[in-house]
Amino acid sequence: MGIIWMIVVGFIVGLLARAIMPGEQKMGIVLTVVLGIIGSVVAGFLGGALGIYQPGEGAGWIGSIVGALIVLFVVGKFSKRG
């Protein structure tokens, strides 16, 4: 059941991050889920490094969305073509 919740939360976080980030992100459902999951991991890592989260504590919704926005920003900077 934990994997299903991770996918659902990743999808919601990914959708919210894509809605907040200006511009067009061309990615499907699977990449949106991956974005949300990676955003949560990034938020947990950064939050732990800054002392916001205790070891083993997961990132919250807002932290996960901020992490996904950071991932979107970095991917956008490295994937510019032209």
N, C-alpha and C. Protein backbone atom coordinates (compact mmCIF):
# COMPACT_ATOMS: atom_id res chain seq x y z
N MET A 1 0.82 -1.19 0.00
CA MET A 1 0.00 0.00 0.00
C MET A 1 0.87 1.27 0.00
N GLY A 2 2.07 1.16 0.55
CA GLY A 2 2.95 2.32 0.62
C GLY A 2 3.38 2.81 -0.76
N ILE A 3 3.60 1.90 -1.68
CA ILE A 3 4.01 2.29 -3.03
C ILE A 3 2.88 3.03 -3.74
N ILE A 4 1.66 2.57 -3.54
CA ILE A 4 0.51 3.24 -4.17
C ILE A 4 0.37 4.66 -3.64
N TRP A 5 0.53 4.84 -2.32
CA TRP A 5 0.45 6.19 -1.75
C TRP A 5 1.57 7.06 -2.26
N MET A 6 2.77 6.49 -2.41
CA MET A 6 3.89 7.26 -2.92
C MET A 6 3.61 7.74 -4.35
N ILE A 7 3.01 6.89 -5.16
CA ILE A 7 2.68 7.27 -6.54
C ILE A 7 1.60 8.35 -6.56
N VAL A 8 0.57 8.19 -5.73
CA VAL A 8 -0.52 9.18 -5.68
C VAL A 8 0.00 10.53 -5.20
N VAL A 9 0.76 10.52 -4.12
CA VAL A 9 1.31 11.78 -3.60
C VAL A 9 2.28 12.40 -4.60
N GLY A 10 3.11 11.57 -5.24
CA GLY A 10 4.04 12.07 -6.26
C GLY A 10 3.31 12.72 -7.41
N PHE A 11 2.18 12.12 -7.81
CA PHE A 11 1.40 12.68 -8.91
C PHE A 11 0.81 14.04 -8.52
N ILE A 12 0.25 14.13 -7.32
CA ILE A 12 -0.35 15.39 -6.87
C ILE A 12 0.72 16.47 -6.72
N VAL A 13 1.83 16.12 -6.11
CA VAL A 13 2.92 17.09 -5.93
C VAL A 13 3.47 17.53 -7.28
N GLY A 14 3.66 16.58 -8.20
CA GLY A 14 4.14 16.92 -9.53
C GLY A 14 3.20 17.83 -10.28
N LEU A 15 1.90 17.55 -10.19
CA LEU A 15 0.91 18.42 -10.85
C LEU A 15 0.93 19.82 -10.28
N LEU A 16 0.98 19.93 -8.96
CA LEU A 16 1.00 21.26 -8.33
C LEU A 16 2.27 22.02 -8.70
N ALA A 17 3.40 21.34 -8.71
CA ALA A 17 4.66 22.01 -9.08
C ALA A 17 4.62 22.48 -10.53
N ARG A 18 4.08 21.64 -11.41
CA ARG A 18 3.98 22.04 -12.82
C ARG A 18 3.02 23.20 -13.00
N ALA A 19 1.96 23.27 -12.19
CA ALA A 19 1.01 24.38 -12.28
C ALA A 19 1.62 25.69 -11.77
N ILE A 20 2.49 25.60 -10.77
CA ILE A 20 3.10 26.79 -10.19
C ILE A 20 4.23 27.32 -11.07
N MET A 21 5.03 26.42 -11.63
CA MET A 21 6.19 26.82 -12.44
C MET A 21 5.73 27.46 -13.74
N PRO A 22 6.20 28.69 -14.03
CA PRO A 22 5.81 29.32 -15.29
C PRO A 22 6.42 28.59 -16.48
N GLY A 23 5.75 28.69 -17.60
CA GLY A 23 6.23 28.05 -18.82
C GLY A 23 5.57 26.69 -19.02
N GLU A 24 5.93 26.08 -20.13
CA GLU A 24 5.34 24.80 -20.48
C GLU A 24 6.34 23.69 -20.19
N GLN A 25 5.88 22.68 -19.47
CA GLN A 25 6.70 21.50 -19.21
C GLN A 25 6.07 20.35 -19.97
N LYS A 26 6.80 19.84 -20.92
CA LYS A 26 6.27 18.74 -21.74
C LYS A 26 6.65 17.42 -21.10
N MET A 27 5.75 16.91 -20.28
CA MET A 27 5.97 15.62 -19.64
C MET A 27 4.63 14.96 -19.42
N GLY A 28 4.64 13.66 -19.47
CA GLY A 28 3.43 12.88 -19.30
C GLY A 28 3.16 12.56 -17.84
N ILE A 29 2.24 11.65 -17.64
CA ILE A 29 1.83 11.29 -16.29
C ILE A 29 2.98 10.63 -15.52
N VAL A 30 3.69 9.74 -16.18
CA VAL A 30 4.77 9.02 -15.50
C VAL A 30 5.86 9.99 -15.05
N LEU A 31 6.26 10.92 -15.91
CA LEU A 31 7.29 11.89 -15.53
C LEU A 31 6.78 12.85 -14.45
N THR A 32 5.49 13.12 -14.44
CA THR A 32 4.92 13.97 -13.39
C THR A 32 5.01 13.26 -12.04
N VAL A 33 4.72 11.96 -12.03
CA VAL A 33 4.84 11.18 -10.79
C VAL A 33 6.30 11.15 -10.34
N VAL A 34 7.21 10.90 -11.28
CA VAL A 34 8.64 10.86 -10.95
C VAL A 34 9.09 12.22 -10.42
N LEU A 35 8.63 13.30 -11.02
CA LEU A 35 8.96 14.64 -10.56
C LEU A 35 8.53 14.84 -9.11
N GLY A 36 7.31 14.44 -8.79
CA GLY A 36 6.81 14.59 -7.43
C GLY A 36 7.60 13.77 -6.43
N ILE A 37 7.94 12.54 -6.79
CA ILE A 37 8.70 11.67 -5.88
C ILE A 37 10.11 12.22 -5.67
N ILE A 38 10.76 12.61 -6.76
CA ILE A 38 12.11 13.18 -6.64
C ILE A 38 12.08 14.49 -5.87
N GLY A 39 11.02 15.29 -6.09
CA GLY A 39 10.87 16.53 -5.33
C GLY A 39 10.76 16.28 -3.84
N SER A 40 10.05 15.24 -3.45
CA SER A 40 9.93 14.89 -2.04
C SER A 40 11.28 14.46 -1.46
N VAL A 41 12.02 13.70 -2.24
CA VAL A 41 13.34 13.25 -1.79
C VAL A 41 14.28 14.45 -1.63
N VAL A 42 14.26 15.35 -2.61
CA VAL A 42 15.10 16.56 -2.54
C VAL A 42 14.72 17.39 -1.32
N ALA A 43 13.43 17.57 -1.09
CA ALA A 43 12.97 18.35 0.06
C ALA A 43 13.40 17.70 1.37
N GLY A 44 13.28 16.39 1.45
CA GLY A 44 13.70 15.69 2.66
C GLY A 44 15.20 15.82 2.90
N PHE A 45 15.98 15.71 1.83
CA PHE A 45 17.43 15.84 1.96
C PHE A 45 17.82 17.26 2.38
N LEU A 46 17.28 18.27 1.69
CA LEU A 46 17.61 19.65 2.03
C LEU A 46 17.09 20.03 3.41
N GLY A 47 15.88 19.57 3.73
CA GLY A 47 15.32 19.85 5.05
C GLY A 47 16.15 19.22 6.16
N GLY A 48 16.64 18.01 5.93
CA GLY A 48 17.51 17.37 6.91
C GLY A 48 18.83 18.08 7.05
N ALA A 49 19.39 18.53 5.92
CA ALA A 49 20.67 19.25 5.96
C ALA A 49 20.55 20.59 6.67
N LEU A 50 19.38 21.21 6.56
CA LEU A 50 19.17 22.51 7.21
C LEU A 50 18.63 22.37 8.63
N GLY A 51 18.37 21.14 9.07
CA GLY A 51 17.87 20.91 10.43
C GLY A 51 16.37 21.08 10.57
N ILE A 52 15.65 21.16 9.46
CA ILE A 52 14.20 21.32 9.51
C ILE A 52 13.53 19.99 9.83
N TYR A 53 14.04 18.90 9.23
CA TYR A 53 13.49 17.57 9.44
C TYR A 53 14.48 16.72 10.22
N GLN A 54 13.95 15.87 11.07
CA GLN A 54 14.77 14.92 11.83
C GLN A 54 15.13 13.74 10.92
N PRO A 55 16.18 13.00 11.25
CA PRO A 55 16.53 11.82 10.44
C PRO A 55 15.36 10.84 10.36
N GLY A 56 15.05 10.40 9.16
CA GLY A 56 13.96 9.46 8.94
C GLY A 56 12.60 10.11 8.79
N GLU A 57 12.51 11.40 9.01
CA GLU A 57 11.23 12.12 8.88
C GLU A 57 11.05 12.55 7.43
N GLY A 58 9.86 12.32 6.88
CA GLY A 58 9.58 12.69 5.51
C GLY A 58 9.26 14.17 5.38
N ALA A 59 9.40 14.66 4.17
CA ALA A 59 9.07 16.05 3.89
C ALA A 59 7.55 16.21 3.84
N GLY A 60 7.07 17.37 4.19
CA GLY A 60 5.65 17.65 4.13
C GLY A 60 5.23 18.03 2.72
N TRP A 61 3.95 18.34 2.58
CA TRP A 61 3.40 18.69 1.26
C TRP A 61 4.08 19.91 0.68
N ILE A 62 4.19 20.97 1.46
CA ILE A 62 4.78 22.21 0.95
C ILE A 62 6.25 22.00 0.62
N GLY A 63 6.96 21.30 1.49
CA GLY A 63 8.36 21.00 1.21
C GLY A 63 8.54 20.18 -0.04
N SER A 64 7.65 19.22 -0.24
CA SER A 64 7.72 18.38 -1.44
C SER A 64 7.48 19.19 -2.70
N ILE A 65 6.53 20.11 -2.64
CA ILE A 65 6.24 20.96 -3.80
C ILE A 65 7.43 21.87 -4.09
N VAL A 66 8.03 22.43 -3.04
CA VAL A 66 9.21 23.27 -3.23
C VAL A 66 10.36 22.45 -3.82
N GLY A 67 10.53 21.22 -3.33
CA GLY A 67 11.56 20.34 -3.89
C GLY A 67 11.32 20.04 -5.35
N ALA A 68 10.05 19.80 -5.72
CA ALA A 68 9.71 19.54 -7.12
C ALA A 68 9.95 20.79 -7.98
N LEU A 69 9.68 21.96 -7.43
CA LEU A 69 9.96 23.20 -8.17
C LEU A 69 11.46 23.36 -8.41
N ILE A 70 12.26 23.00 -7.42
CA ILE A 70 13.71 23.07 -7.58
C ILE A 70 14.15 22.11 -8.69
N VAL A 71 13.60 20.89 -8.68
CA VAL A 71 13.94 19.91 -9.71
C VAL A 71 13.52 20.42 -11.09
N LEU A 72 12.31 20.97 -11.19
CA LEU A 72 11.84 21.52 -12.47
C LEU A 72 12.75 22.64 -12.97
N PHE A 73 13.18 23.50 -12.06
CA PHE A 73 14.05 24.61 -12.42
C PHE A 73 15.38 24.09 -12.95
N VAL A 74 15.98 23.15 -12.24
CA VAL A 74 17.28 22.60 -12.66
C VAL A 74 17.16 21.87 -13.99
N VAL A 75 16.13 21.07 -14.15
CA VAL A 75 15.92 20.35 -15.41
C VAL A 75 15.69 21.34 -16.55
N GLY A 76 14.94 22.40 -16.29
CA GLY A 76 14.70 23.43 -17.30
C GLY A 76 15.97 24.13 -17.73
N LYS A 77 16.87 24.37 -16.79
CA LYS A 77 18.14 25.04 -17.12
C LYS A 77 19.05 24.15 -17.95
N PHE A 78 19.06 22.85 -17.67
CA PHE A 78 19.95 21.95 -18.38
C PHE A 78 19.37 21.40 -19.67
N SER A 79 18.07 21.53 -19.87
CA SER A 79 17.48 20.94 -21.08
C SER A 79 17.09 21.99 -22.12
N LYS A 80 17.57 23.21 -21.97
CA LYS A 80 17.27 24.24 -22.98
C LYS A 80 17.94 23.87 -24.29
N ARG A 81 17.16 23.88 -25.32
CA ARG A 81 17.70 23.57 -26.65
C ARG A 81 17.59 24.81 -27.52
N GLY A 82 18.51 24.98 -28.38
CA GLY A 82 18.41 26.09 -29.29
C GLY A 82 19.65 26.83 -29.36
